[in-house]
Structures are given as structure tokens and as C-alpha cells.
Amino acid sequence: MLRKIARLLLLIITAIVITFVLLSGSEEHGGGFMRIIKNSPNALPWLLLFGLNYLAWKRELVGGSIIAIFGLYVSLFLSFNGGKFAITVIATTSFITILGFIFIYLGINKNKNDE
């Protein structure tokens, strides 16, 4: 049950963040579909998180470790870079880190059950 919840939450968070990054940055370019396309390079790090989702589904221990590192890095980079501190950013990125640790836990318990 925990496995399904963690997978679903990480997938939902990733989709929401990618949508937000694409749409919020396009406002600077004047909005519209072509502006979203011009803003798409800002979403590349978050597309990486989609790939990490897949990895965590296949190999929980490895995927969870990388997701936890990714979450920590993004938390530090987005929260303390540029002088702005937004509680929603730190909460979202911290939740990604927590989900990474949950995948690590699931991967360790899966390996113990296989022995």
C-alpha cells in the first residue's frame, strides 16, 4: 500500500511541478502556446524527475537514492538561491526528498524479503 501511495504521489507532484514551471515562466514571454515552447528549457530538470519516477518503479533502492539526492539538491538550490524563501517551494521539494527516502525504505525491505 505504501508503495502505491509513494509512486502515485511522486507522479502527481512531478506532473504538477512541470505544468507550473511551463506555464508560469511563459507569462514573461507574453503567454500563448509558442511562449510555453520557448519556456520549455526551464522544465528540463523536472523532466529528469519523470525519468527518476520510472527508475524508482523498477529499482526502488537505486531510484529512491537518486530521488532523495535530487530532492535535497533542488531544495537547497531553489530555497536559498536568489534571496527569496517560499514555504511552498521548500515544502514541495522536501516532500520529494521524503518520497525518495520512502523508496529507499521500500527497496531495503524488498531485498530483505527476497533473501
N, C-alpha and C. Protein backbone atom coordinates (compact mmCIF):
# COMPACT_ATOMS: atom_id res chain seq x y z
N MET A 1 0.82 -1.19 0.00
CA MET A 1 0.00 0.00 0.00
C MET A 1 0.87 1.26 0.00
N LEU A 2 1.92 1.27 0.86
CA LEU A 2 2.83 2.41 0.91
C LEU A 2 3.52 2.61 -0.44
N ARG A 3 3.85 1.52 -1.09
CA ARG A 3 4.49 1.57 -2.40
C ARG A 3 3.60 2.29 -3.42
N LYS A 4 2.32 1.93 -3.45
CA LYS A 4 1.39 2.56 -4.40
C LYS A 4 1.20 4.04 -4.09
N ILE A 5 1.09 4.37 -2.82
CA ILE A 5 0.91 5.77 -2.43
C ILE A 5 2.13 6.60 -2.81
N ALA A 6 3.32 6.09 -2.52
CA ALA A 6 4.55 6.83 -2.84
C ALA A 6 4.69 7.03 -4.35
N ARG A 7 4.42 5.99 -5.11
CA ARG A 7 4.51 6.11 -6.58
C ARG A 7 3.53 7.15 -7.11
N LEU A 8 2.30 7.07 -6.65
CA LEU A 8 1.27 7.99 -7.13
C LEU A 8 1.57 9.43 -6.72
N LEU A 9 1.97 9.65 -5.47
CA LEU A 9 2.27 11.00 -5.01
C LEU A 9 3.43 11.61 -5.78
N LEU A 10 4.48 10.83 -6.02
CA LEU A 10 5.61 11.37 -6.76
C LEU A 10 5.23 11.69 -8.19
N LEU A 11 4.42 10.87 -8.79
CA LEU A 11 3.97 11.13 -10.15
C LEU A 11 3.10 12.39 -10.22
N ILE A 12 2.21 12.56 -9.26
CA ILE A 12 1.34 13.74 -9.22
C ILE A 12 2.16 15.00 -8.98
N ILE A 13 3.08 14.96 -8.03
CA ILE A 13 3.93 16.12 -7.74
C ILE A 13 4.73 16.50 -8.97
N THR A 14 5.31 15.51 -9.65
CA THR A 14 6.10 15.78 -10.85
C THR A 14 5.25 16.44 -11.93
N ALA A 15 4.07 15.92 -12.16
CA ALA A 15 3.19 16.48 -13.20
C ALA A 15 2.77 17.91 -12.86
N ILE A 16 2.43 18.16 -11.61
CA ILE A 16 2.02 19.50 -11.19
C ILE A 16 3.17 20.49 -11.32
N VAL A 17 4.35 20.09 -10.88
CA VAL A 17 5.50 20.99 -10.94
C VAL A 17 5.88 21.30 -12.40
N ILE A 18 5.88 20.30 -13.26
CA ILE A 18 6.21 20.54 -14.67
C ILE A 18 5.19 21.48 -15.30
N THR A 19 3.93 21.27 -15.02
CA THR A 19 2.88 22.15 -15.55
C THR A 19 3.08 23.57 -15.04
N PHE A 20 3.35 23.71 -13.77
CA PHE A 20 3.56 25.03 -13.18
C PHE A 20 4.77 25.73 -13.80
N VAL A 21 5.88 25.00 -13.94
CA VAL A 21 7.10 25.59 -14.50
C VAL A 21 6.87 26.04 -15.94
N LEU A 22 6.20 25.23 -16.71
CA LEU A 22 5.95 25.60 -18.11
C LEU A 22 5.05 26.83 -18.22
N LEU A 23 3.98 26.84 -17.45
CA LEU A 23 3.00 27.92 -17.58
C LEU A 23 3.43 29.21 -16.89
N SER A 24 4.06 29.11 -15.74
CA SER A 24 4.42 30.33 -15.01
C SER A 24 5.53 31.11 -15.72
N GLY A 25 6.47 30.44 -16.30
CA GLY A 25 7.54 31.13 -16.99
C GLY A 25 7.12 31.70 -18.33
N SER A 26 6.06 31.18 -18.91
CA SER A 26 5.63 31.68 -20.22
C SER A 26 4.99 33.06 -20.11
N GLU A 27 4.57 33.45 -18.92
CA GLU A 27 3.99 34.77 -18.72
C GLU A 27 5.01 35.87 -19.04
N GLU A 28 6.26 35.61 -18.73
CA GLU A 28 7.31 36.59 -19.00
C GLU A 28 7.47 36.84 -20.50
N HIS A 29 7.15 35.84 -21.30
CA HIS A 29 7.29 35.94 -22.75
C HIS A 29 5.99 36.39 -23.42
N GLY A 30 4.96 36.67 -22.64
CA GLY A 30 3.70 37.16 -23.21
C GLY A 30 2.60 36.14 -23.29
N GLY A 31 2.81 34.92 -22.82
CA GLY A 31 1.78 33.88 -22.82
C GLY A 31 1.61 33.25 -24.19
N GLY A 32 0.69 32.31 -24.29
CA GLY A 32 0.42 31.61 -25.54
C GLY A 32 1.26 30.34 -25.69
N PHE A 33 0.86 29.53 -26.66
CA PHE A 33 1.50 28.23 -26.86
C PHE A 33 2.97 28.37 -27.23
N MET A 34 3.30 29.27 -28.12
CA MET A 34 4.70 29.43 -28.54
C MET A 34 5.56 29.92 -27.38
N ARG A 35 4.99 30.70 -26.49
CA ARG A 35 5.74 31.16 -25.32
C ARG A 35 6.00 30.00 -24.36
N ILE A 36 5.06 29.08 -24.28
CA ILE A 36 5.27 27.88 -23.47
C ILE A 36 6.41 27.07 -24.05
N ILE A 37 6.46 26.94 -25.36
CA ILE A 37 7.54 26.21 -26.02
C ILE A 37 8.88 26.90 -25.75
N LYS A 38 8.92 28.23 -25.82
CA LYS A 38 10.15 28.96 -25.54
C LYS A 38 10.59 28.79 -24.09
N ASN A 39 9.64 28.59 -23.22
CA ASN A 39 9.94 28.43 -21.80
C ASN A 39 10.27 26.97 -21.43
N SER A 40 10.11 26.05 -22.34
CA SER A 40 10.28 24.62 -22.03
C SER A 40 11.66 24.23 -21.49
N PRO A 41 12.76 24.91 -21.83
CA PRO A 41 14.04 24.52 -21.21
C PRO A 41 14.04 24.63 -19.69
N ASN A 42 13.18 25.49 -19.13
CA ASN A 42 13.10 25.59 -17.67
C ASN A 42 12.54 24.32 -17.04
N ALA A 43 11.84 23.51 -17.80
CA ALA A 43 11.24 22.30 -17.27
C ALA A 43 12.16 21.08 -17.39
N LEU A 44 13.32 21.22 -18.01
CA LEU A 44 14.19 20.06 -18.21
C LEU A 44 14.60 19.35 -16.92
N PRO A 45 14.98 20.06 -15.85
CA PRO A 45 15.31 19.34 -14.61
C PRO A 45 14.13 18.54 -14.07
N TRP A 46 12.93 19.05 -14.27
CA TRP A 46 11.75 18.36 -13.77
C TRP A 46 11.38 17.19 -14.66
N LEU A 47 11.74 17.25 -15.93
CA LEU A 47 11.57 16.08 -16.80
C LEU A 47 12.47 14.94 -16.34
N LEU A 48 13.63 15.30 -15.81
CA LEU A 48 14.51 14.30 -15.22
C LEU A 48 13.80 13.56 -14.09
N LEU A 49 12.98 14.28 -13.35
CA LEU A 49 12.24 13.64 -12.25
C LEU A 49 11.25 12.61 -12.77
N PHE A 50 10.68 12.83 -13.97
CA PHE A 50 9.84 11.79 -14.57
C PHE A 50 10.64 10.52 -14.81
N GLY A 51 11.86 10.68 -15.31
CA GLY A 51 12.73 9.52 -15.52
C GLY A 51 13.08 8.83 -14.21
N LEU A 52 13.27 9.62 -13.17
CA LEU A 52 13.56 9.04 -11.85
C LEU A 52 12.34 8.33 -11.28
N ASN A 53 11.16 8.81 -11.62
CA ASN A 53 9.93 8.09 -11.25
C ASN A 53 9.96 6.68 -11.81
N TYR A 54 10.28 6.58 -13.08
CA TYR A 54 10.33 5.28 -13.75
C TYR A 54 11.38 4.39 -13.09
N LEU A 55 12.56 4.97 -12.81
CA LEU A 55 13.62 4.20 -12.17
C LEU A 55 13.18 3.69 -10.80
N ALA A 56 12.50 4.54 -10.04
CA ALA A 56 12.05 4.13 -8.71
C ALA A 56 10.98 3.04 -8.78
N TRP A 57 10.21 3.02 -9.87
CA TRP A 57 9.21 1.97 -10.01
C TRP A 57 9.89 0.63 -10.31
N LYS A 58 10.98 0.68 -11.04
CA LYS A 58 11.67 -0.56 -11.43
C LYS A 58 12.69 -1.01 -10.38
N ARG A 59 13.46 -0.08 -9.86
CA ARG A 59 14.51 -0.39 -8.88
C ARG A 59 14.41 0.63 -7.75
N GLU A 60 13.65 0.30 -6.74
CA GLU A 60 13.30 1.25 -5.69
C GLU A 60 14.49 1.78 -4.92
N LEU A 61 15.44 0.94 -4.61
CA LEU A 61 16.58 1.38 -3.81
C LEU A 61 17.44 2.38 -4.57
N VAL A 62 17.76 2.07 -5.81
CA VAL A 62 18.58 2.97 -6.63
C VAL A 62 17.79 4.25 -6.95
N GLY A 63 16.57 4.08 -7.41
CA GLY A 63 15.74 5.23 -7.76
C GLY A 63 15.47 6.12 -6.57
N GLY A 64 15.17 5.52 -5.43
CA GLY A 64 14.92 6.30 -4.22
C GLY A 64 16.15 7.07 -3.77
N SER A 65 17.32 6.47 -3.91
CA SER A 65 18.56 7.17 -3.54
C SER A 65 18.77 8.38 -4.41
N ILE A 66 18.59 8.22 -5.71
CA ILE A 66 18.79 9.34 -6.63
C ILE A 66 17.71 10.41 -6.43
N ILE A 67 16.47 9.98 -6.18
CA ILE A 67 15.39 10.94 -5.93
C ILE A 67 15.67 11.74 -4.65
N ALA A 68 16.16 11.08 -3.61
CA ALA A 68 16.47 11.78 -2.36
C ALA A 68 17.58 12.81 -2.59
N ILE A 69 18.61 12.44 -3.33
CA ILE A 69 19.69 13.38 -3.64
C ILE A 69 19.17 14.53 -4.49
N PHE A 70 18.36 14.21 -5.50
CA PHE A 70 17.76 15.23 -6.36
C PHE A 70 16.91 16.19 -5.52
N GLY A 71 16.09 15.65 -4.62
CA GLY A 71 15.24 16.48 -3.78
C GLY A 71 16.04 17.38 -2.86
N LEU A 72 17.11 16.85 -2.28
CA LEU A 72 17.96 17.68 -1.41
C LEU A 72 18.62 18.80 -2.21
N TYR A 73 19.15 18.45 -3.37
CA TYR A 73 19.81 19.45 -4.21
C TYR A 73 18.82 20.55 -4.62
N VAL A 74 17.66 20.14 -5.10
CA VAL A 74 16.67 21.11 -5.55
C VAL A 74 16.17 21.95 -4.37
N SER A 75 16.01 21.34 -3.21
CA SER A 75 15.60 22.10 -2.02
C SER A 75 16.60 23.19 -1.70
N LEU A 76 17.86 22.82 -1.67
CA LEU A 76 18.90 23.82 -1.36
C LEU A 76 19.01 24.87 -2.45
N PHE A 77 18.97 24.44 -3.69
CA PHE A 77 19.14 25.37 -4.80
C PHE A 77 17.99 26.36 -4.91
N LEU A 78 16.76 25.87 -4.84
CA LEU A 78 15.60 26.73 -5.03
C LEU A 78 15.25 27.55 -3.80
N SER A 79 15.55 27.03 -2.62
CA SER A 79 15.14 27.71 -1.40
C SER A 79 16.11 28.80 -0.97
N PHE A 80 17.39 28.60 -1.22
CA PHE A 80 18.37 29.53 -0.69
C PHE A 80 19.16 30.25 -1.77
N ASN A 81 18.76 30.09 -3.02
CA ASN A 81 19.44 30.76 -4.12
C ASN A 81 18.58 31.94 -4.58
N GLY A 82 19.15 33.11 -4.61
CA GLY A 82 18.41 34.27 -5.10
C GLY A 82 17.77 35.11 -4.02
N GLY A 83 17.94 34.78 -2.75
CA GLY A 83 17.45 35.62 -1.68
C GLY A 83 15.97 35.48 -1.35
N LYS A 84 15.21 34.68 -2.09
CA LYS A 84 13.79 34.51 -1.79
C LYS A 84 13.59 33.16 -1.10
N PHE A 85 12.71 33.15 -0.14
CA PHE A 85 12.38 31.91 0.56
C PHE A 85 10.87 31.74 0.52
N ALA A 86 10.42 30.72 -0.20
CA ALA A 86 8.98 30.46 -0.30
C ALA A 86 8.68 29.13 0.38
N ILE A 87 7.76 29.15 1.31
CA ILE A 87 7.43 27.95 2.07
C ILE A 87 6.86 26.85 1.17
N THR A 88 6.13 27.23 0.13
CA THR A 88 5.58 26.21 -0.77
C THR A 88 6.69 25.50 -1.54
N VAL A 89 7.73 26.23 -1.90
CA VAL A 89 8.85 25.61 -2.62
C VAL A 89 9.59 24.63 -1.72
N ILE A 90 9.91 25.06 -0.51
CA ILE A 90 10.63 24.18 0.40
C ILE A 90 9.78 22.98 0.79
N ALA A 91 8.47 23.16 0.93
CA ALA A 91 7.59 22.04 1.27
C ALA A 91 7.53 21.02 0.13
N THR A 92 7.38 21.51 -1.10
CA THR A 92 7.29 20.61 -2.24
C THR A 92 8.58 19.85 -2.45
N THR A 93 9.70 20.57 -2.43
CA THR A 93 10.98 19.90 -2.67
C THR A 93 11.36 18.98 -1.51
N SER A 94 10.99 19.35 -0.30
CA SER A 94 11.24 18.46 0.85
C SER A 94 10.40 17.19 0.74
N PHE A 95 9.19 17.33 0.24
CA PHE A 95 8.33 16.16 0.06
C PHE A 95 8.92 15.19 -0.96
N ILE A 96 9.55 15.74 -2.00
CA ILE A 96 10.24 14.88 -2.98
C ILE A 96 11.36 14.10 -2.29
N THR A 97 12.11 14.77 -1.43
CA THR A 97 13.18 14.11 -0.69
C THR A 97 12.62 13.02 0.21
N ILE A 98 11.54 13.31 0.90
CA ILE A 98 10.91 12.32 1.79
C ILE A 98 10.45 11.11 0.99
N LEU A 99 9.85 11.34 -0.17
CA LEU A 99 9.43 10.22 -1.01
C LEU A 99 10.63 9.40 -1.47
N GLY A 100 11.75 10.07 -1.74
CA GLY A 100 12.98 9.33 -2.07
C GLY A 100 13.38 8.39 -0.94
N PHE A 101 13.32 8.88 0.29
CA PHE A 101 13.66 8.03 1.44
C PHE A 101 12.65 6.91 1.63
N ILE A 102 11.40 7.17 1.30
CA ILE A 102 10.40 6.10 1.37
C ILE A 102 10.73 5.00 0.36
N PHE A 103 11.14 5.39 -0.85
CA PHE A 103 11.54 4.39 -1.84
C PHE A 103 12.77 3.61 -1.38
N ILE A 104 13.70 4.29 -0.72
CA ILE A 104 14.87 3.58 -0.18
C ILE A 104 14.41 2.54 0.84
N TYR A 105 13.54 2.95 1.73
CA TYR A 105 12.99 2.03 2.74
C TYR A 105 12.31 0.83 2.07
N LEU A 106 11.48 1.12 1.06
CA LEU A 106 10.79 0.02 0.36
C LEU A 106 11.77 -0.89 -0.35
N GLY A 107 12.81 -0.31 -0.94
CA GLY A 107 13.81 -1.11 -1.63
C GLY A 107 14.59 -2.00 -0.67
N ILE A 108 14.91 -1.48 0.51
CA ILE A 108 15.63 -2.28 1.51
C ILE A 108 14.75 -3.41 2.02
N ASN A 109 13.50 -3.11 2.32
CA ASN A 109 12.59 -4.15 2.80
C ASN A 109 12.29 -5.18 1.74
N LYS A 110 12.23 -4.77 0.48
CA LYS A 110 12.01 -5.72 -0.61
C LYS A 110 13.16 -6.69 -0.72
N ASN A 111 14.39 -6.16 -0.58
CA ASN A 111 15.56 -7.03 -0.66
C ASN A 111 15.64 -7.97 0.53
N LYS A 112 15.22 -7.55 1.70
CA LYS A 112 15.23 -8.43 2.87
C LYS A 112 14.21 -9.54 2.72
N ASN A 113 13.08 -9.25 2.09
CA ASN A 113 12.06 -10.26 1.87
C ASN A 113 12.48 -11.28 0.82
N ASP A 114 13.34 -10.88 -0.11
CA ASP A 114 13.79 -11.79 -1.17
C ASP A 114 14.79 -12.81 -0.66
N GLU A 115 15.50 -12.51 0.44
CA GLU A 115 16.55 -13.41 0.93
C GLU A 115 15.99 -14.65 1.58
